[in-house]
Amino acid sequence: DASMGNPSSWEWTFEGGEPATSTLQTPPPITYNTPGQYGVTLTV
């Protein structure tokens, strides 16, 4: 996380990744098992 403004909550979405979501500031390692290009979204 490199967000500004001292966020108090985080919502990650990892397209194509495992796990696909996380609510931790620092999510666990994300594994990708299928070739392709995938998006990442963070809401703070």
PDB file of all heavy atoms in Angstrom:
ATOM      1  N   ASP A   1       0.844  -1.195   0.000  1.00  0.00           N
ATOM      2  CA  ASP A   1       0.000   0.000   0.000  1.00  0.00           C
ATOM      3  C   ASP A   1       0.880   1.246   0.000  1.00  0.00           C
ATOM      4  O   ASP A   1       1.806   1.364   0.796  1.00  0.00           O
ATOM      5  CB  ASP A   1      -0.898  -0.021   1.234  1.00  0.00           C
ATOM      6  CG  ASP A   1      -1.661   1.280   1.410  1.00  0.00           C
ATOM      7  OD1 ASP A   1      -2.252   1.737   0.415  1.00  0.00           O
ATOM      8  OD2 ASP A   1      -1.654   1.823   2.531  1.00  0.00           O
ATOM      9  N   ALA A   2       0.614   2.178  -0.901  1.00  0.00           N
ATOM     10  CA  ALA A   2       1.337   3.454  -0.961  1.00  0.00           C
ATOM     11  C   ALA A   2       0.352   4.623  -0.930  1.00  0.00           C
ATOM     12  O   ALA A   2       0.645   5.710  -1.429  1.00  0.00           O
ATOM     13  CB  ALA A   2       2.200   3.511  -2.213  1.00  0.00           C
ATOM     14  N   SER A   3      -0.816   4.407  -0.336  1.00  0.00           N
ATOM     15  CA  SER A   3      -1.881   5.415  -0.341  1.00  0.00           C
ATOM     16  C   SER A   3      -1.543   6.592   0.568  1.00  0.00           C
ATOM     17  O   SER A   3      -0.812   6.457   1.554  1.00  0.00           O
ATOM     18  CB  SER A   3      -3.203   4.781   0.115  1.00  0.00           C
ATOM     19  OG  SER A   3      -3.534   3.680  -0.708  1.00  0.00           O
ATOM     20  N   MET A   4      -2.097   7.752   0.218  1.00  0.00           N
ATOM     21  CA  MET A   4      -1.950   8.965   1.013  1.00  0.00           C
ATOM     22  C   MET A   4      -3.189   9.150   1.891  1.00  0.00           C
ATOM     23  O   MET A   4      -4.263   8.650   1.584  1.00  0.00           O
ATOM     24  CB  MET A   4      -1.798  10.180   0.097  1.00  0.00           C
ATOM     25  CG  MET A   4      -0.645  10.106  -0.883  1.00  0.00           C
ATOM     26  SD  MET A   4       0.963  10.195  -0.076  1.00  0.00           S
ATOM     27  CE  MET A   4       2.026  10.315  -1.518  1.00  0.00           C
ATOM     28  N   GLY A   5      -3.019   9.906   2.980  1.00  0.00           N
ATOM     29  CA  GLY A   5      -4.161  10.311   3.795  1.00  0.00           C
ATOM     30  C   GLY A   5      -4.497   9.376   4.931  1.00  0.00           C
ATOM     31  O   GLY A   5      -5.599   9.432   5.477  1.00  0.00           O
ATOM     32  N   ASN A   6      -3.569   8.497   5.322  1.00  0.00           N
ATOM     33  CA  ASN A   6      -3.789   7.615   6.467  1.00  0.00           C
ATOM     34  C   ASN A   6      -5.103   6.850   6.392  1.00  0.00           C
ATOM     35  O   ASN A   6      -5.996   7.007   7.241  1.00  0.00           O
ATOM     36  CB  ASN A   6      -3.739   8.400   7.779  1.00  0.00           C
ATOM     37  CG  ASN A   6      -2.366   8.979   8.063  1.00  0.00           C
ATOM     38  OD1 ASN A   6      -1.361   8.328   7.817  1.00  0.00           O
ATOM     39  ND2 ASN A   6      -2.316  10.196   8.560  1.00  0.00           N
ATOM     40  N   PRO A   7      -5.274   6.017   5.360  1.00  0.00           N
ATOM     41  CA  PRO A   7      -6.507   5.228   5.293  1.00  0.00           C
ATOM     42  C   PRO A   7      -6.624   4.282   6.468  1.00  0.00           C
ATOM     43  O   PRO A   7      -5.619   3.833   7.036  1.00  0.00           O
ATOM     44  CB  PRO A   7      -6.373   4.463   3.972  1.00  0.00           C
ATOM     45  CG  PRO A   7      -4.916   4.459   3.670  1.00  0.00           C
ATOM     46  CD  PRO A   7      -4.362   5.722   4.235  1.00  0.00           C
ATOM     47  N   SER A   8      -7.878   3.979   6.821  1.00  0.00           N
ATOM     48  CA  SER A   8      -8.133   3.069   7.939  1.00  0.00           C
ATOM     49  C   SER A   8      -8.659   1.714   7.465  1.00  0.00           C
ATOM     50  O   SER A   8      -8.767   0.785   8.258  1.00  0.00           O
ATOM     51  CB  SER A   8      -9.134   3.708   8.906  1.00  0.00           C
ATOM     52  OG  SER A   8     -10.300   4.127   8.222  1.00  0.00           O
ATOM     53  N   SER A   9      -9.015   1.611   6.183  1.00  0.00           N
ATOM     54  CA  SER A   9      -9.450   0.321   5.646  1.00  0.00           C
ATOM     55  C   SER A   9      -9.019   0.212   4.189  1.00  0.00           C
ATOM     56  O   SER A   9      -8.867   1.217   3.489  1.00  0.00           O
ATOM     57  CB  SER A   9     -10.967   0.140   5.774  1.00  0.00           C
ATOM     58  OG  SER A   9     -11.658   1.056   4.947  1.00  0.00           O
ATOM     59  N   TRP A  10      -8.826  -1.050   3.761  1.00  0.00           N
ATOM     60  CA  TRP A  10      -8.317  -1.341   2.427  1.00  0.00           C
ATOM     61  C   TRP A  10      -9.143  -2.486   1.828  1.00  0.00           C
ATOM     62  O   TRP A  10      -9.473  -3.449   2.520  1.00  0.00           O
ATOM     63  CB  TRP A  10      -6.853  -1.781   2.476  1.00  0.00           C
ATOM     64  CG  TRP A  10      -5.927  -0.744   3.045  1.00  0.00           C
ATOM     65  CD1 TRP A  10      -5.121   0.114   2.383  1.00  0.00           C
ATOM     66  CD2 TRP A  10      -5.701  -0.466   4.444  1.00  0.00           C
ATOM     67  NE1 TRP A  10      -4.427   0.921   3.237  1.00  0.00           N
ATOM     68  CE2 TRP A  10      -4.758   0.579   4.519  1.00  0.00           C
ATOM     69  CE3 TRP A  10      -6.214  -1.007   5.634  1.00  0.00           C
ATOM     70  CZ2 TRP A  10      -4.318   1.105   5.729  1.00  0.00           C
ATOM     71  CZ3 TRP A  10      -5.773  -0.484   6.832  1.00  0.00           C
ATOM     72  CH2 TRP A  10      -4.828   0.564   6.879  1.00  0.00           C
ATOM     73  N   GLU A  11      -9.446  -2.367   0.552  1.00  0.00           N
ATOM     74  CA  GLU A  11     -10.117  -3.433  -0.178  1.00  0.00           C
ATOM     75  C   GLU A  11      -9.374  -3.655  -1.493  1.00  0.00           C
ATOM     76  O   GLU A  11      -9.387  -2.805  -2.385  1.00  0.00           O
ATOM     77  CB  GLU A  11     -11.586  -3.074  -0.453  1.00  0.00           C
ATOM     78  CG  GLU A  11     -12.442  -2.961   0.799  1.00  0.00           C
ATOM     79  CD  GLU A  11     -13.889  -2.644   0.467  1.00  0.00           C
ATOM     80  OE1 GLU A  11     -14.265  -2.760  -0.722  1.00  0.00           O
ATOM     81  OE2 GLU A  11     -14.632  -2.266   1.384  1.00  0.00           O
ATOM     82  N   TRP A  12      -8.709  -4.832  -1.584  1.00  0.00           N
ATOM     83  CA  TRP A  12      -7.939  -5.183  -2.775  1.00  0.00           C
ATOM     84  C   TRP A  12      -8.729  -6.183  -3.620  1.00  0.00           C
ATOM     85  O   TRP A  12      -9.383  -7.071  -3.082  1.00  0.00           O
ATOM     86  CB  TRP A  12      -6.621  -5.843  -2.386  1.00  0.00           C
ATOM     87  CG  TRP A  12      -5.655  -5.046  -1.575  1.00  0.00           C
ATOM     88  CD1 TRP A  12      -5.665  -4.878  -0.223  1.00  0.00           C
ATOM     89  CD2 TRP A  12      -4.507  -4.346  -2.062  1.00  0.00           C
ATOM     90  NE1 TRP A  12      -4.593  -4.116   0.167  1.00  0.00           N
ATOM     91  CE2 TRP A  12      -3.860  -3.771  -0.940  1.00  0.00           C
ATOM     92  CE3 TRP A  12      -3.959  -4.157  -3.329  1.00  0.00           C
ATOM     93  CZ2 TRP A  12      -2.688  -3.031  -1.054  1.00  0.00           C
ATOM     94  CZ3 TRP A  12      -2.791  -3.412  -3.450  1.00  0.00           C
ATOM     95  CH2 TRP A  12      -2.174  -2.845  -2.325  1.00  0.00           C
ATOM     96  N   THR A  13      -8.620  -6.045  -4.930  1.00  0.00           N
ATOM     97  CA  THR A  13      -9.156  -7.038  -5.853  1.00  0.00           C
ATOM     98  C   THR A  13      -8.059  -7.383  -6.857  1.00  0.00           C
ATOM     99  O   THR A  13      -7.517  -6.495  -7.529  1.00  0.00           O
ATOM    100  CB  THR A  13     -10.389  -6.509  -6.603  1.00  0.00           C
ATOM    101  OG1 THR A  13     -11.402  -6.162  -5.645  1.00  0.00           O
ATOM    102  CG2 THR A  13     -10.940  -7.572  -7.553  1.00  0.00           C
ATOM    103  N   PHE A  14      -7.754  -8.685  -6.950  1.00  0.00           N
ATOM    104  CA  PHE A  14      -6.689  -9.163  -7.823  1.00  0.00           C
ATOM    105  C   PHE A  14      -7.296 -10.044  -8.908  1.00  0.00           C
ATOM    106  O   PHE A  14      -7.566 -11.242  -8.687  1.00  0.00           O
ATOM    107  CB  PHE A  14      -5.639  -9.947  -7.023  1.00  0.00           C
ATOM    108  CG  PHE A  14      -5.052  -9.163  -5.876  1.00  0.00           C
ATOM    109  CD1 PHE A  14      -5.454  -9.421  -4.563  1.00  0.00           C
ATOM    110  CD2 PHE A  14      -4.123  -8.165  -6.091  1.00  0.00           C
ATOM    111  CE1 PHE A  14      -4.922  -8.700  -3.500  1.00  0.00           C
ATOM    112  CE2 PHE A  14      -3.590  -7.438  -5.034  1.00  0.00           C
ATOM    113  CZ  PHE A  14      -3.998  -7.709  -3.742  1.00  0.00           C
ATOM    114  N   GLU A  15      -7.541  -9.471 -10.060  1.00  0.00           N
ATOM    115  CA  GLU A  15      -8.089 -10.229 -11.189  1.00  0.00           C
ATOM    116  C   GLU A  15      -7.100 -11.329 -11.570  1.00  0.00           C
ATOM    117  O   GLU A  15      -5.913 -11.074 -11.784  1.00  0.00           O
ATOM    118  CB  GLU A  15      -8.317  -9.283 -12.367  1.00  0.00           C
ATOM    119  CG  GLU A  15      -8.914  -9.930 -13.593  1.00  0.00           C
ATOM    120  CD  GLU A  15      -9.004  -8.976 -14.756  1.00  0.00           C
ATOM    121  OE1 GLU A  15      -8.453  -7.853 -14.653  1.00  0.00           O
ATOM    122  OE2 GLU A  15      -9.606  -9.346 -15.788  1.00  0.00           O
ATOM    123  N   GLY A  16      -7.592 -12.572 -11.640  1.00  0.00           N
ATOM    124  CA  GLY A  16      -6.747 -13.687 -12.025  1.00  0.00           C
ATOM    125  C   GLY A  16      -5.819 -14.192 -10.950  1.00  0.00           C
ATOM    126  O   GLY A  16      -5.040 -15.120 -11.188  1.00  0.00           O
ATOM    127  N   GLY A  17      -5.864 -13.582  -9.760  1.00  0.00           N
ATOM    128  CA  GLY A  17      -4.935 -13.959  -8.701  1.00  0.00           C
ATOM    129  C   GLY A  17      -5.576 -14.816  -7.630  1.00  0.00           C
ATOM    130  O   GLY A  17      -6.797 -14.911  -7.518  1.00  0.00           O
ATOM    131  N   GLU A  18      -4.742 -15.440  -6.825  1.00  0.00           N
ATOM    132  CA  GLU A  18      -5.178 -16.244  -5.681  1.00  0.00           C
ATOM    133  C   GLU A  18      -4.352 -15.832  -4.464  1.00  0.00           C
ATOM    134  O   GLU A  18      -3.116 -15.952  -4.510  1.00  0.00           O
ATOM    135  CB  GLU A  18      -4.998 -17.732  -5.959  1.00  0.00           C
ATOM    136  CG  GLU A  18      -5.868 -18.264  -7.094  1.00  0.00           C
ATOM    137  CD  GLU A  18      -5.672 -19.760  -7.312  1.00  0.00           C
ATOM    138  OE1 GLU A  18      -5.001 -20.405  -6.461  1.00  0.00           O
ATOM    139  OE2 GLU A  18      -6.156 -20.272  -8.312  1.00  0.00           O
ATOM    140  N   PRO A  19      -5.006 -15.324  -3.390  1.00  0.00           N
ATOM    141  CA  PRO A  19      -6.440 -15.038  -3.282  1.00  0.00           C
ATOM    142  C   PRO A  19      -6.852 -13.866  -4.175  1.00  0.00           C
ATOM    143  O   PRO A  19      -6.026 -13.049  -4.549  1.00  0.00           O
ATOM    144  CB  PRO A  19      -6.606 -14.698  -1.803  1.00  0.00           C
ATOM    145  CG  PRO A  19      -5.273 -14.146  -1.385  1.00  0.00           C
ATOM    146  CD  PRO A  19      -4.263 -14.939  -2.164  1.00  0.00           C
ATOM    147  N   ALA A  20      -8.129 -13.831  -4.490  1.00  0.00           N
ATOM    148  CA  ALA A  20      -8.638 -12.810  -5.408  1.00  0.00           C
ATOM    149  C   ALA A  20      -8.927 -11.490  -4.712  1.00  0.00           C
ATOM    150  O   ALA A  20      -9.032 -10.456  -5.385  1.00  0.00           O
ATOM    151  CB  ALA A  20      -9.896 -13.318  -6.102  1.00  0.00           C
ATOM    152  N   THR A  21      -9.059 -11.497  -3.377  1.00  0.00           N
ATOM    153  CA  THR A  21      -9.355 -10.271  -2.629  1.00  0.00           C
ATOM    154  C   THR A  21      -8.593 -10.269  -1.318  1.00  0.00           C
ATOM    155  O   THR A  21      -8.136 -11.321  -0.841  1.00  0.00           O
ATOM    156  CB  THR A  21     -10.857 -10.123  -2.333  1.00  0.00           C
ATOM    157  OG1 THR A  21     -11.272 -11.224  -1.501  1.00  0.00           O
ATOM    158  CG2 THR A  21     -11.673 -10.091  -3.615  1.00  0.00           C
ATOM    159  N   SER A  22      -8.477  -9.095  -0.725  1.00  0.00           N
ATOM    160  CA  SER A  22      -7.869  -8.959   0.596  1.00  0.00           C
ATOM    161  C   SER A  22      -8.334  -7.656   1.212  1.00  0.00           C
ATOM    162  O   SER A  22      -8.573  -6.673   0.500  1.00  0.00           O
ATOM    163  CB  SER A  22      -6.340  -8.966   0.509  1.00  0.00           C
ATOM    164  OG  SER A  22      -5.757  -8.743   1.796  1.00  0.00           O
ATOM    165  N   THR A  23      -8.486  -7.634   2.537  1.00  0.00           N
ATOM    166  CA  THR A  23      -8.821  -6.409   3.274  1.00  0.00           C
ATOM    167  C   THR A  23      -7.670  -5.975   4.177  1.00  0.00           C
ATOM    168  O   THR A  23      -7.837  -5.107   5.031  1.00  0.00           O
ATOM    169  CB  THR A  23     -10.090  -6.609   4.124  1.00  0.00           C
ATOM    170  OG1 THR A  23      -9.883  -7.708   5.023  1.00  0.00           O
ATOM    171  CG2 THR A  23     -11.299  -6.876   3.232  1.00  0.00           C
ATOM    172  N   LEU A  24      -6.491  -6.558   3.973  1.00  0.00           N
ATOM    173  CA  LEU A  24      -5.310  -6.193   4.748  1.00  0.00           C
ATOM    174  C   LEU A  24      -4.583  -5.034   4.076  1.00  0.00           C
ATOM    175  O   LEU A  24      -4.601  -4.900   2.849  1.00  0.00           O
ATOM    176  CB  LEU A  24      -4.365  -7.384   4.876  1.00  0.00           C
ATOM    177  CG  LEU A  24      -4.919  -8.637   5.555  1.00  0.00           C
ATOM    178  CD1 LEU A  24      -3.893  -9.751   5.513  1.00  0.00           C
ATOM    179  CD2 LEU A  24      -5.313  -8.331   6.997  1.00  0.00           C
ATOM    180  N   GLN A  25      -3.922  -4.212   4.880  1.00  0.00           N
ATOM    181  CA  GLN A  25      -3.117  -3.150   4.275  1.00  0.00           C
ATOM    182  C   GLN A  25      -2.022  -3.739   3.401  1.00  0.00           C
ATOM    183  O   GLN A  25      -1.788  -3.268   2.281  1.00  0.00           O
ATOM    184  CB  GLN A  25      -2.498  -2.257   5.353  1.00  0.00           C
ATOM    185  CG  GLN A  25      -1.660  -1.117   4.765  1.00  0.00           C
ATOM    186  CD  GLN A  25      -1.101  -0.193   5.818  1.00  0.00           C
ATOM    187  OE1 GLN A  25      -1.154  -0.475   7.021  1.00  0.00           O
ATOM    188  NE2 GLN A  25      -0.545   0.927   5.383  1.00  0.00           N
ATOM    189  N   THR A  26      -1.360  -4.767   3.902  1.00  0.00           N
ATOM    190  CA  THR A  26      -0.371  -5.500   3.110  1.00  0.00           C
ATOM    191  C   THR A  26      -0.932  -6.883   2.837  1.00  0.00           C
ATOM    192  O   THR A  26      -0.945  -7.737   3.735  1.00  0.00           O
ATOM    193  CB  THR A  26       0.966  -5.602   3.853  1.00  0.00           C
ATOM    194  OG1 THR A  26       1.447  -4.280   4.154  1.00  0.00           O
ATOM    195  CG2 THR A  26       2.001  -6.333   2.997  1.00  0.00           C
ATOM    196  N   PRO A  27      -1.421  -7.135   1.644  1.00  0.00           N
ATOM    197  CA  PRO A  27      -2.049  -8.428   1.361  1.00  0.00           C
ATOM    198  C   PRO A  27      -1.011  -9.546   1.313  1.00  0.00           C
ATOM    199  O   PRO A  27       0.188  -9.287   1.166  1.00  0.00           O
ATOM    200  CB  PRO A  27      -2.687  -8.212  -0.020  1.00  0.00           C
ATOM    201  CG  PRO A  27      -1.875  -7.137  -0.640  1.00  0.00           C
ATOM    202  CD  PRO A  27      -1.437  -6.237   0.474  1.00  0.00           C
ATOM    203  N   PRO A  28      -1.449 -10.796   1.437  1.00  0.00           N
ATOM    204  CA  PRO A  28      -0.509 -11.920   1.334  1.00  0.00           C
ATOM    205  C   PRO A  28       0.027 -12.027  -0.092  1.00  0.00           C
ATOM    206  O   PRO A  28      -0.514 -11.393  -1.014  1.00  0.00           O
ATOM    207  CB  PRO A  28      -1.373 -13.125   1.702  1.00  0.00           C
ATOM    208  CG  PRO A  28      -2.758 -12.716   1.340  1.00  0.00           C
ATOM    209  CD  PRO A  28      -2.839 -11.248   1.635  1.00  0.00           C
ATOM    210  N   PRO A  29       1.081 -12.822  -0.326  1.00  0.00           N
ATOM    211  CA  PRO A  29       1.572 -13.008  -1.693  1.00  0.00           C
ATOM    212  C   PRO A  29       0.440 -13.504  -2.601  1.00  0.00           C
ATOM    213  O   PRO A  29      -0.319 -14.395  -2.239  1.00  0.00           O
ATOM    214  CB  PRO A  29       2.673 -14.049  -1.530  1.00  0.00           C
ATOM    215  CG  PRO A  29       3.139 -13.885  -0.115  1.00  0.00           C
ATOM    216  CD  PRO A  29       1.914 -13.537   0.665  1.00  0.00           C
ATOM    217  N   ILE A  30       0.321 -12.898  -3.767  1.00  0.00           N
ATOM    218  CA  ILE A  30      -0.736 -13.238  -4.723  1.00  0.00           C
ATOM    219  C   ILE A  30      -0.144 -14.133  -5.807  1.00  0.00           C
ATOM    220  O   ILE A  30       0.852 -13.775  -6.447  1.00  0.00           O
ATOM    221  CB  ILE A  30      -1.353 -11.977  -5.353  1.00  0.00           C
ATOM    222  CG1 ILE A  30      -1.814 -11.004  -4.252  1.00  0.00           C
ATOM    223  CG2 ILE A  30      -2.504 -12.363  -6.266  1.00  0.00           C
ATOM    224  CD1 ILE A  30      -2.819 -11.572  -3.288  1.00  0.00           C
ATOM    225  N   THR A  31      -0.751 -15.311  -6.006  1.00  0.00           N
ATOM    226  CA  THR A  31      -0.268 -16.293  -6.976  1.00  0.00           C
ATOM    227  C   THR A  31      -1.097 -16.203  -8.256  1.00  0.00           C
ATOM    228  O   THR A  31      -2.330 -16.097  -8.211  1.00  0.00           O
ATOM    229  CB  THR A  31      -0.359 -17.704  -6.391  1.00  0.00           C
ATOM    230  OG1 THR A  31       0.386 -17.759  -5.165  1.00  0.00           O
ATOM    231  CG2 THR A  31       0.211 -18.731  -7.365  1.00  0.00           C
ATOM    232  N   TYR A  32      -0.423 -16.270  -9.397  1.00  0.00           N
ATOM    233  CA  TYR A  32      -1.075 -16.255 -10.705  1.00  0.00           C
ATOM    234  C   TYR A  32      -0.733 -17.553 -11.444  1.00  0.00           C
ATOM    235  O   TYR A  32       0.441 -17.833 -11.696  1.00  0.00           O
ATOM    236  CB  TYR A  32      -0.628 -15.046 -11.517  1.00  0.00           C
ATOM    237  CG  TYR A  32      -1.109 -13.731 -10.966  1.00  0.00           C
ATOM    238  CD1 TYR A  32      -0.368 -13.047  -9.994  1.00  0.00           C
ATOM    239  CD2 TYR A  32      -2.301 -13.159 -11.392  1.00  0.00           C
ATOM    240  CE1 TYR A  32      -0.818 -11.838  -9.478  1.00  0.00           C
ATOM    241  CE2 TYR A  32      -2.762 -11.947 -10.881  1.00  0.00           C
ATOM    242  CZ  TYR A  32      -2.013 -11.293  -9.921  1.00  0.00           C
ATOM    243  OH  TYR A  32      -2.450 -10.100  -9.415  1.00  0.00           O
ATOM    244  N   ASN A  33      -1.771 -18.339 -11.768  1.00  0.00           N
ATOM    245  CA  ASN A  33      -1.560 -19.664 -12.363  1.00  0.00           C
ATOM    246  C   ASN A  33      -1.947 -19.745 -13.840  1.00  0.00           C
ATOM    247  O   ASN A  33      -1.735 -20.785 -14.467  1.00  0.00           O
ATOM    248  CB  ASN A  33      -2.351 -20.723 -11.582  1.00  0.00           C
ATOM    249  CG  ASN A  33      -1.828 -20.898 -10.170  1.00  0.00           C
ATOM    250  OD1 ASN A  33      -0.621 -20.980  -9.962  1.00  0.00           O
ATOM    251  ND2 ASN A  33      -2.724 -20.924  -9.191  1.00  0.00           N
ATOM    252  N   THR A  34      -2.512 -18.679 -14.376  1.00  0.00           N
ATOM    253  CA  THR A  34      -2.978 -18.708 -15.761  1.00  0.00           C
ATOM    254  C   THR A  34      -2.367 -17.545 -16.522  1.00  0.00           C
ATOM    255  O   THR A  34      -2.378 -16.410 -16.028  1.00  0.00           O
ATOM    256  CB  THR A  34      -4.513 -18.596 -15.811  1.00  0.00           C
ATOM    257  OG1 THR A  34      -5.077 -19.635 -15.009  1.00  0.00           O
ATOM    258  CG2 THR A  34      -5.021 -18.737 -17.241  1.00  0.00           C
ATOM    259  N   PRO A  35      -1.811 -17.798 -17.722  1.00  0.00           N
ATOM    260  CA  PRO A  35      -1.198 -16.702 -18.471  1.00  0.00           C
ATOM    261  C   PRO A  35      -2.236 -15.665 -18.893  1.00  0.00           C
ATOM    262  O   PRO A  35      -3.404 -15.976 -19.110  1.00  0.00           O
ATOM    263  CB  PRO A  35      -0.586 -17.409 -19.681  1.00  0.00           C
ATOM    264  CG  PRO A  35      -1.346 -18.678 -19.812  1.00  0.00           C
ATOM    265  CD  PRO A  35      -1.715 -19.089 -18.432  1.00  0.00           C
ATOM    266  N   GLY A  36      -1.784 -14.424 -18.994  1.00  0.00           N
ATOM    267  CA  GLY A  36      -2.671 -13.345 -19.405  1.00  0.00           C
ATOM    268  C   GLY A  36      -2.273 -12.037 -18.745  1.00  0.00           C
ATOM    269  O   GLY A  36      -1.285 -11.963 -18.006  1.00  0.00           O
ATOM    270  N   GLN A  37      -3.053 -11.011 -18.992  1.00  0.00           N
ATOM    271  CA  GLN A  37      -2.853  -9.703 -18.379  1.00  0.00           C
ATOM    272  C   GLN A  37      -4.053  -9.409 -17.476  1.00  0.00           C
ATOM    273  O   GLN A  37      -5.205  -9.533 -17.908  1.00  0.00           O
ATOM    274  CB  GLN A  37      -2.700  -8.617 -19.443  1.00  0.00           C
ATOM    275  CG  GLN A  37      -1.404  -8.748 -20.239  1.00  0.00           C
ATOM    276  CD  GLN A  37      -1.220  -7.621 -21.223  1.00  0.00           C
ATOM    277  OE1 GLN A  37      -2.171  -7.197 -21.883  1.00  0.00           O
ATOM    278  NE2 GLN A  37       0.006  -7.128 -21.343  1.00  0.00           N
ATOM    279  N   TYR A  38      -3.776  -9.006 -16.242  1.00  0.00           N
ATOM    280  CA  TYR A  38      -4.818  -8.891 -15.234  1.00  0.00           C
ATOM    281  C   TYR A  38      -4.745  -7.531 -14.520  1.00  0.00           C
ATOM    282  O   TYR A  38      -3.663  -6.972 -14.303  1.00  0.00           O
ATOM    283  CB  TYR A  38      -4.685 -10.009 -14.201  1.00  0.00           C
ATOM    284  CG  TYR A  38      -4.795 -11.389 -14.811  1.00  0.00           C
ATOM    285  CD1 TYR A  38      -3.668 -12.173 -14.998  1.00  0.00           C
ATOM    286  CD2 TYR A  38      -6.031 -11.888 -15.210  1.00  0.00           C
ATOM    287  CE1 TYR A  38      -3.764 -13.434 -15.562  1.00  0.00           C
ATOM    288  CE2 TYR A  38      -6.144 -13.143 -15.779  1.00  0.00           C
ATOM    289  CZ  TYR A  38      -5.000 -13.910 -15.956  1.00  0.00           C
ATOM    290  OH  TYR A  38      -5.119 -15.154 -16.529  1.00  0.00           O
ATOM    291  N   GLY A  39      -5.926  -7.040 -14.141  1.00  0.00           N
ATOM    292  CA  GLY A  39      -6.017  -5.772 -13.433  1.00  0.00           C
ATOM    293  C   GLY A  39      -5.941  -5.940 -11.926  1.00  0.00           C
ATOM    294  O   GLY A  39      -6.183  -7.026 -11.380  1.00  0.00           O
ATOM    295  N   VAL A  40      -5.602  -4.834 -11.262  1.00  0.00           N
ATOM    296  CA  VAL A  40      -5.558  -4.777  -9.794  1.00  0.00           C
ATOM    297  C   VAL A  40      -6.301  -3.520  -9.362  1.00  0.00           C
ATOM    298  O   VAL A  40      -6.106  -2.443  -9.950  1.00  0.00           O
ATOM    299  CB  VAL A  40      -4.115  -4.747  -9.268  1.00  0.00           C
ATOM    300  CG1 VAL A  40      -4.114  -4.618  -7.741  1.00  0.00           C
ATOM    301  CG2 VAL A  40      -3.351  -5.989  -9.695  1.00  0.00           C
ATOM    302  N   THR A  41      -7.158  -3.650  -8.338  1.00  0.00           N
ATOM    303  CA  THR A  41      -7.923  -2.512  -7.810  1.00  0.00           C
ATOM    304  C   THR A  41      -7.712  -2.403  -6.308  1.00  0.00           C
ATOM    305  O   THR A  41      -7.756  -3.410  -5.598  1.00  0.00           O
ATOM    306  CB  THR A  41      -9.428  -2.676  -8.102  1.00  0.00           C
ATOM    307  OG1 THR A  41      -9.638  -2.683  -9.510  1.00  0.00           O
ATOM    308  CG2 THR A  41     -10.231  -1.528  -7.488  1.00  0.00           C
ATOM    309  N   LEU A  42      -7.473  -1.170  -5.850  1.00  0.00           N
ATOM    310  CA  LEU A  42      -7.377  -0.897  -4.412  1.00  0.00           C
ATOM    311  C   LEU A  42      -8.319   0.249  -4.073  1.00  0.00           C
ATOM    312  O   LEU A  42      -8.272   1.309  -4.683  1.00  0.00           O
ATOM    313  CB  LEU A  42      -5.946  -0.509  -4.025  1.00  0.00           C
ATOM    314  CG  LEU A  42      -5.757  -0.001  -2.585  1.00  0.00           C
ATOM    315  CD1 LEU A  42      -6.150  -1.061  -1.568  1.00  0.00           C
ATOM    316  CD2 LEU A  42      -4.314   0.464  -2.358  1.00  0.00           C
ATOM    317  N   THR A  43      -9.187   0.022  -3.076  1.00  0.00           N
ATOM    318  CA  THR A  43     -10.066   1.044  -2.534  1.00  0.00           C
ATOM    319  C   THR A  43      -9.674   1.305  -1.091  1.00  0.00           C
ATOM    320  O   THR A  43      -9.584   0.369  -0.294  1.00  0.00           O
ATOM    321  CB  THR A  43     -11.542   0.613  -2.603  1.00  0.00           C
ATOM    322  OG1 THR A  43     -11.914   0.419  -3.972  1.00  0.00           O
ATOM    323  CG2 THR A  43     -12.446   1.664  -1.991  1.00  0.00           C
ATOM    324  N   VAL A  44      -9.417   2.591  -0.762  1.00  0.00           N
ATOM    325  CA  VAL A  44      -9.029   2.954   0.598  1.00  0.00           C
ATOM    326  C   VAL A  44     -10.050   3.925   1.174  1.00  0.00           C
ATOM    327  O   VAL A  44     -10.662   4.717   0.451  1.00  0.00           O
ATOM    328  CB  VAL A  44      -7.619   3.574   0.642  1.00  0.00           C
ATOM    329  CG1 VAL A  44      -6.567   2.540   0.266  1.00  0.00           C
ATOM    330  CG2 VAL A  44      -7.521   4.782  -0.271  1.00  0.00           C
TER     331      VAL A  44
END
